[in-house]
């Protein structure tokens, strides 16, 4: 998922639409549930607000995650996730 070339400097000078804080580039972990299946994306480039933590993703990153969910890319590894009822 590492697509640094497409996002380097992408968030420079941008402000959070919610709190007005500065947005910085980071690599984050993204969890998604689609049709009862769970997906975990590691090292995803994102813009993250330094004040409130809101995450922003470039369109090409979202497209790659969507394609991955629909089988365009093989998973690096699989993990067992425990499920608890409270």
N, C-alpha and C. Protein backbone atom coordinates (compact mmCIF):
# COMPACT_ATOMS: atom_id res chain seq x y z
N UNK A 1 0.83 -1.19 0.00
CA UNK A 1 0.00 0.00 0.00
C UNK A 1 0.87 1.25 0.00
N UNK A 2 2.17 1.09 0.14
CA UNK A 2 3.06 2.22 0.23
C UNK A 2 3.09 2.99 -1.08
N UNK A 3 2.53 4.20 -1.11
CA UNK A 3 2.42 5.01 -2.31
C UNK A 3 2.94 6.41 -2.01
N UNK A 4 4.14 6.49 -1.44
CA UNK A 4 4.69 7.76 -0.98
C UNK A 4 4.88 8.76 -2.11
N UNK A 5 5.25 8.30 -3.28
CA UNK A 5 5.49 9.21 -4.39
C UNK A 5 4.25 10.05 -4.71
N UNK A 6 3.07 9.45 -4.55
CA UNK A 6 1.84 10.15 -4.91
C UNK A 6 1.40 11.15 -3.85
N UNK A 7 1.89 11.02 -2.62
CA UNK A 7 1.38 11.88 -1.56
C UNK A 7 2.45 12.77 -0.93
N UNK A 8 3.71 12.64 -1.31
CA UNK A 8 4.76 13.46 -0.71
C UNK A 8 4.45 14.93 -0.97
N UNK A 9 4.32 15.69 0.11
CA UNK A 9 4.02 17.11 0.00
C UNK A 9 2.56 17.42 -0.32
N UNK A 10 1.77 16.41 -0.49
CA UNK A 10 0.37 16.59 -0.88
C UNK A 10 -0.40 17.43 0.13
N UNK A 11 -0.11 17.25 1.42
CA UNK A 11 -0.88 17.92 2.46
C UNK A 11 -0.24 19.21 2.95
N UNK A 12 0.91 19.60 2.40
CA UNK A 12 1.59 20.82 2.84
C UNK A 12 0.66 22.03 2.73
N UNK A 13 0.54 22.77 3.82
CA UNK A 13 -0.26 23.98 3.83
C UNK A 13 -1.76 23.77 3.98
N UNK A 14 -2.19 22.52 4.04
CA UNK A 14 -3.63 22.24 4.18
C UNK A 14 -4.06 22.35 5.64
N UNK A 15 -5.32 22.74 5.84
CA UNK A 15 -5.89 22.85 7.19
C UNK A 15 -7.09 21.94 7.32
N UNK A 16 -7.32 21.47 8.52
CA UNK A 16 -8.45 20.59 8.82
C UNK A 16 -9.76 21.34 8.60
N UNK A 17 -10.68 20.68 7.92
CA UNK A 17 -11.98 21.31 7.67
C UNK A 17 -12.85 21.38 8.92
N UNK A 18 -12.49 20.63 9.97
CA UNK A 18 -13.30 20.61 11.20
C UNK A 18 -12.80 21.58 12.26
N UNK A 19 -11.46 21.62 12.47
CA UNK A 19 -10.95 22.47 13.55
C UNK A 19 -9.96 23.53 13.08
N UNK A 20 -9.55 23.46 11.80
CA UNK A 20 -8.60 24.44 11.28
C UNK A 20 -7.15 24.15 11.59
N UNK A 21 -6.87 23.01 12.26
CA UNK A 21 -5.50 22.65 12.60
C UNK A 21 -4.70 22.27 11.37
N UNK A 22 -3.38 22.27 11.49
CA UNK A 22 -2.53 21.90 10.36
C UNK A 22 -2.59 20.40 10.10
N UNK A 23 -2.50 20.03 8.83
CA UNK A 23 -2.51 18.62 8.44
C UNK A 23 -1.08 18.21 8.11
N UNK A 24 -0.65 17.09 8.72
CA UNK A 24 0.69 16.56 8.47
C UNK A 24 0.58 15.17 7.84
N UNK A 25 1.62 14.80 7.11
CA UNK A 25 1.64 13.49 6.47
C UNK A 25 2.12 12.43 7.46
N UNK A 26 1.39 11.30 7.50
CA UNK A 26 1.77 10.17 8.35
C UNK A 26 1.39 8.89 7.65
N UNK A 27 1.95 7.78 8.12
CA UNK A 27 1.50 6.47 7.69
C UNK A 27 0.63 5.92 8.82
N UNK A 28 -0.56 5.46 8.45
CA UNK A 28 -1.54 5.00 9.44
C UNK A 28 -2.00 3.59 9.11
N UNK A 29 -2.71 2.99 10.06
CA UNK A 29 -3.36 1.70 9.85
C UNK A 29 -4.85 1.96 9.69
N UNK A 30 -5.45 1.35 8.68
CA UNK A 30 -6.87 1.56 8.38
C UNK A 30 -7.59 0.22 8.50
N UNK A 31 -8.70 0.23 9.24
CA UNK A 31 -9.55 -0.96 9.41
C UNK A 31 -10.83 -0.73 8.61
N UNK A 32 -11.24 -1.73 7.85
CA UNK A 32 -12.49 -1.62 7.09
C UNK A 32 -13.28 -2.93 7.20
N UNK A 33 -14.60 -2.81 7.26
CA UNK A 33 -15.49 -3.96 7.20
C UNK A 33 -16.38 -3.77 5.98
N UNK A 34 -16.36 -4.76 5.08
CA UNK A 34 -17.16 -4.69 3.86
C UNK A 34 -17.87 -6.03 3.68
N UNK A 35 -19.19 -5.98 3.65
CA UNK A 35 -20.00 -7.18 3.45
C UNK A 35 -19.62 -8.32 4.40
N UNK A 36 -19.39 -7.99 5.66
CA UNK A 36 -19.08 -9.01 6.66
C UNK A 36 -17.63 -9.45 6.70
N UNK A 37 -16.79 -8.95 5.80
CA UNK A 37 -15.36 -9.28 5.79
C UNK A 37 -14.58 -8.10 6.35
N UNK A 38 -13.50 -8.41 7.05
CA UNK A 38 -12.68 -7.37 7.66
C UNK A 38 -11.37 -7.23 6.90
N UNK A 39 -10.92 -6.00 6.73
CA UNK A 39 -9.68 -5.71 6.02
C UNK A 39 -8.84 -4.77 6.87
N UNK A 40 -7.55 -5.02 6.88
CA UNK A 40 -6.60 -4.21 7.62
C UNK A 40 -5.53 -3.74 6.65
N UNK A 41 -5.36 -2.44 6.54
CA UNK A 41 -4.34 -1.85 5.67
C UNK A 41 -3.30 -1.18 6.54
N UNK A 42 -2.04 -1.57 6.37
CA UNK A 42 -0.96 -0.99 7.15
C UNK A 42 -0.14 -0.03 6.28
N UNK A 43 0.51 0.92 6.94
CA UNK A 43 1.41 1.86 6.27
C UNK A 43 0.72 2.66 5.17
N UNK A 44 -0.50 3.09 5.45
CA UNK A 44 -1.27 3.86 4.47
C UNK A 44 -0.91 5.34 4.61
N UNK A 45 -0.45 5.99 3.53
CA UNK A 45 -0.17 7.42 3.62
C UNK A 45 -1.46 8.21 3.79
N UNK A 46 -1.43 9.14 4.73
CA UNK A 46 -2.62 9.94 5.02
C UNK A 46 -2.22 11.31 5.51
N UNK A 47 -3.14 12.26 5.38
CA UNK A 47 -2.98 13.55 6.01
C UNK A 47 -3.73 13.46 7.34
N UNK A 48 -3.07 13.84 8.43
CA UNK A 48 -3.68 13.74 9.76
C UNK A 48 -3.61 15.10 10.44
N UNK A 49 -4.75 15.56 10.93
CA UNK A 49 -4.80 16.85 11.63
C UNK A 49 -4.02 16.73 12.95
N UNK A 50 -3.11 17.67 13.17
CA UNK A 50 -2.32 17.67 14.40
C UNK A 50 -3.16 18.02 15.62
N UNK A 51 -4.29 18.70 15.42
CA UNK A 51 -5.11 19.12 16.55
C UNK A 51 -6.16 18.08 16.94
N UNK A 52 -6.96 17.62 15.99
CA UNK A 52 -8.09 16.73 16.32
C UNK A 52 -7.93 15.30 15.83
N UNK A 53 -6.91 15.04 15.00
CA UNK A 53 -6.65 13.68 14.55
C UNK A 53 -7.46 13.22 13.34
N UNK A 54 -8.29 14.09 12.77
CA UNK A 54 -9.06 13.71 11.58
C UNK A 54 -8.10 13.28 10.48
N UNK A 55 -8.45 12.18 9.79
CA UNK A 55 -7.61 11.65 8.72
C UNK A 55 -8.19 12.01 7.35
N UNK A 56 -7.28 12.29 6.44
CA UNK A 56 -7.63 12.57 5.05
C UNK A 56 -6.80 11.65 4.16
N UNK A 57 -7.42 11.14 3.09
CA UNK A 57 -6.73 10.24 2.17
C UNK A 57 -6.83 10.79 0.75
N UNK A 58 -5.74 10.68 0.01
CA UNK A 58 -5.75 11.07 -1.40
C UNK A 58 -6.61 10.08 -2.18
N UNK A 59 -7.21 10.53 -3.26
CA UNK A 59 -8.11 9.70 -4.07
C UNK A 59 -7.43 8.44 -4.57
N UNK A 60 -6.16 8.54 -4.98
CA UNK A 60 -5.47 7.35 -5.49
C UNK A 60 -5.27 6.29 -4.40
N UNK A 61 -5.13 6.71 -3.16
CA UNK A 61 -4.97 5.78 -2.04
C UNK A 61 -6.30 5.07 -1.78
N UNK A 62 -7.40 5.81 -1.78
CA UNK A 62 -8.72 5.21 -1.59
C UNK A 62 -9.04 4.22 -2.71
N UNK A 63 -8.65 4.57 -3.93
CA UNK A 63 -8.89 3.67 -5.06
C UNK A 63 -8.11 2.38 -4.91
N UNK A 64 -6.87 2.47 -4.48
CA UNK A 64 -6.06 1.26 -4.28
C UNK A 64 -6.64 0.38 -3.18
N UNK A 65 -7.14 0.99 -2.11
CA UNK A 65 -7.75 0.19 -1.04
C UNK A 65 -9.01 -0.50 -1.56
N UNK A 66 -9.82 0.21 -2.32
CA UNK A 66 -11.05 -0.36 -2.90
C UNK A 66 -10.71 -1.53 -3.83
N UNK A 67 -9.72 -1.35 -4.69
CA UNK A 67 -9.31 -2.43 -5.60
C UNK A 67 -8.79 -3.64 -4.83
N UNK A 68 -8.07 -3.38 -3.76
CA UNK A 68 -7.54 -4.46 -2.93
C UNK A 68 -8.68 -5.25 -2.30
N UNK A 69 -9.67 -4.57 -1.79
CA UNK A 69 -10.83 -5.22 -1.17
C UNK A 69 -11.53 -6.12 -2.18
N UNK A 70 -11.55 -5.71 -3.43
CA UNK A 70 -12.25 -6.48 -4.46
C UNK A 70 -11.32 -7.46 -5.18
N UNK A 71 -10.22 -7.84 -4.54
CA UNK A 71 -9.38 -8.92 -5.03
C UNK A 71 -8.33 -8.60 -6.06
N UNK A 72 -8.00 -7.33 -6.25
CA UNK A 72 -7.00 -6.97 -7.24
C UNK A 72 -5.57 -7.17 -6.73
N UNK A 73 -5.45 -7.38 -5.42
CA UNK A 73 -4.13 -7.55 -4.83
C UNK A 73 -4.20 -8.63 -3.77
N UNK A 74 -3.17 -9.46 -3.69
CA UNK A 74 -3.12 -10.53 -2.70
C UNK A 74 -2.64 -9.96 -1.37
N UNK A 75 -3.23 -10.45 -0.28
CA UNK A 75 -2.85 -10.00 1.05
C UNK A 75 -1.41 -10.38 1.37
N UNK A 76 -0.73 -9.53 2.11
CA UNK A 76 0.64 -9.78 2.54
C UNK A 76 0.66 -10.91 3.56
N UNK A 77 -0.34 -10.91 4.46
CA UNK A 77 -0.50 -11.95 5.47
C UNK A 77 -1.93 -11.90 5.98
N UNK A 78 -2.33 -12.92 6.72
CA UNK A 78 -3.64 -12.94 7.34
C UNK A 78 -3.46 -13.13 8.83
N UNK A 79 -4.35 -12.53 9.62
CA UNK A 79 -4.29 -12.65 11.07
C UNK A 79 -5.62 -13.14 11.60
N UNK A 80 -5.57 -13.87 12.69
CA UNK A 80 -6.77 -14.34 13.36
C UNK A 80 -7.24 -13.25 14.31
N UNK A 81 -8.52 -12.89 14.25
CA UNK A 81 -9.05 -11.82 15.09
C UNK A 81 -10.06 -12.42 16.07
N UNK A 82 -9.81 -12.29 17.38
CA UNK A 82 -10.78 -12.79 18.35
C UNK A 82 -12.03 -11.92 18.37
N UNK A 83 -13.18 -12.54 18.58
CA UNK A 83 -14.44 -11.81 18.65
C UNK A 83 -15.06 -12.05 20.02
N UNK A 84 -15.47 -10.98 20.70
CA UNK A 84 -16.03 -11.08 22.02
C UNK A 84 -17.43 -10.51 22.04
N UNK A 85 -18.30 -11.07 22.85
CA UNK A 85 -19.62 -10.51 23.08
C UNK A 85 -19.65 -9.98 24.50
N UNK A 86 -20.15 -8.79 24.70
CA UNK A 86 -20.18 -8.18 26.03
C UNK A 86 -21.61 -8.09 26.51
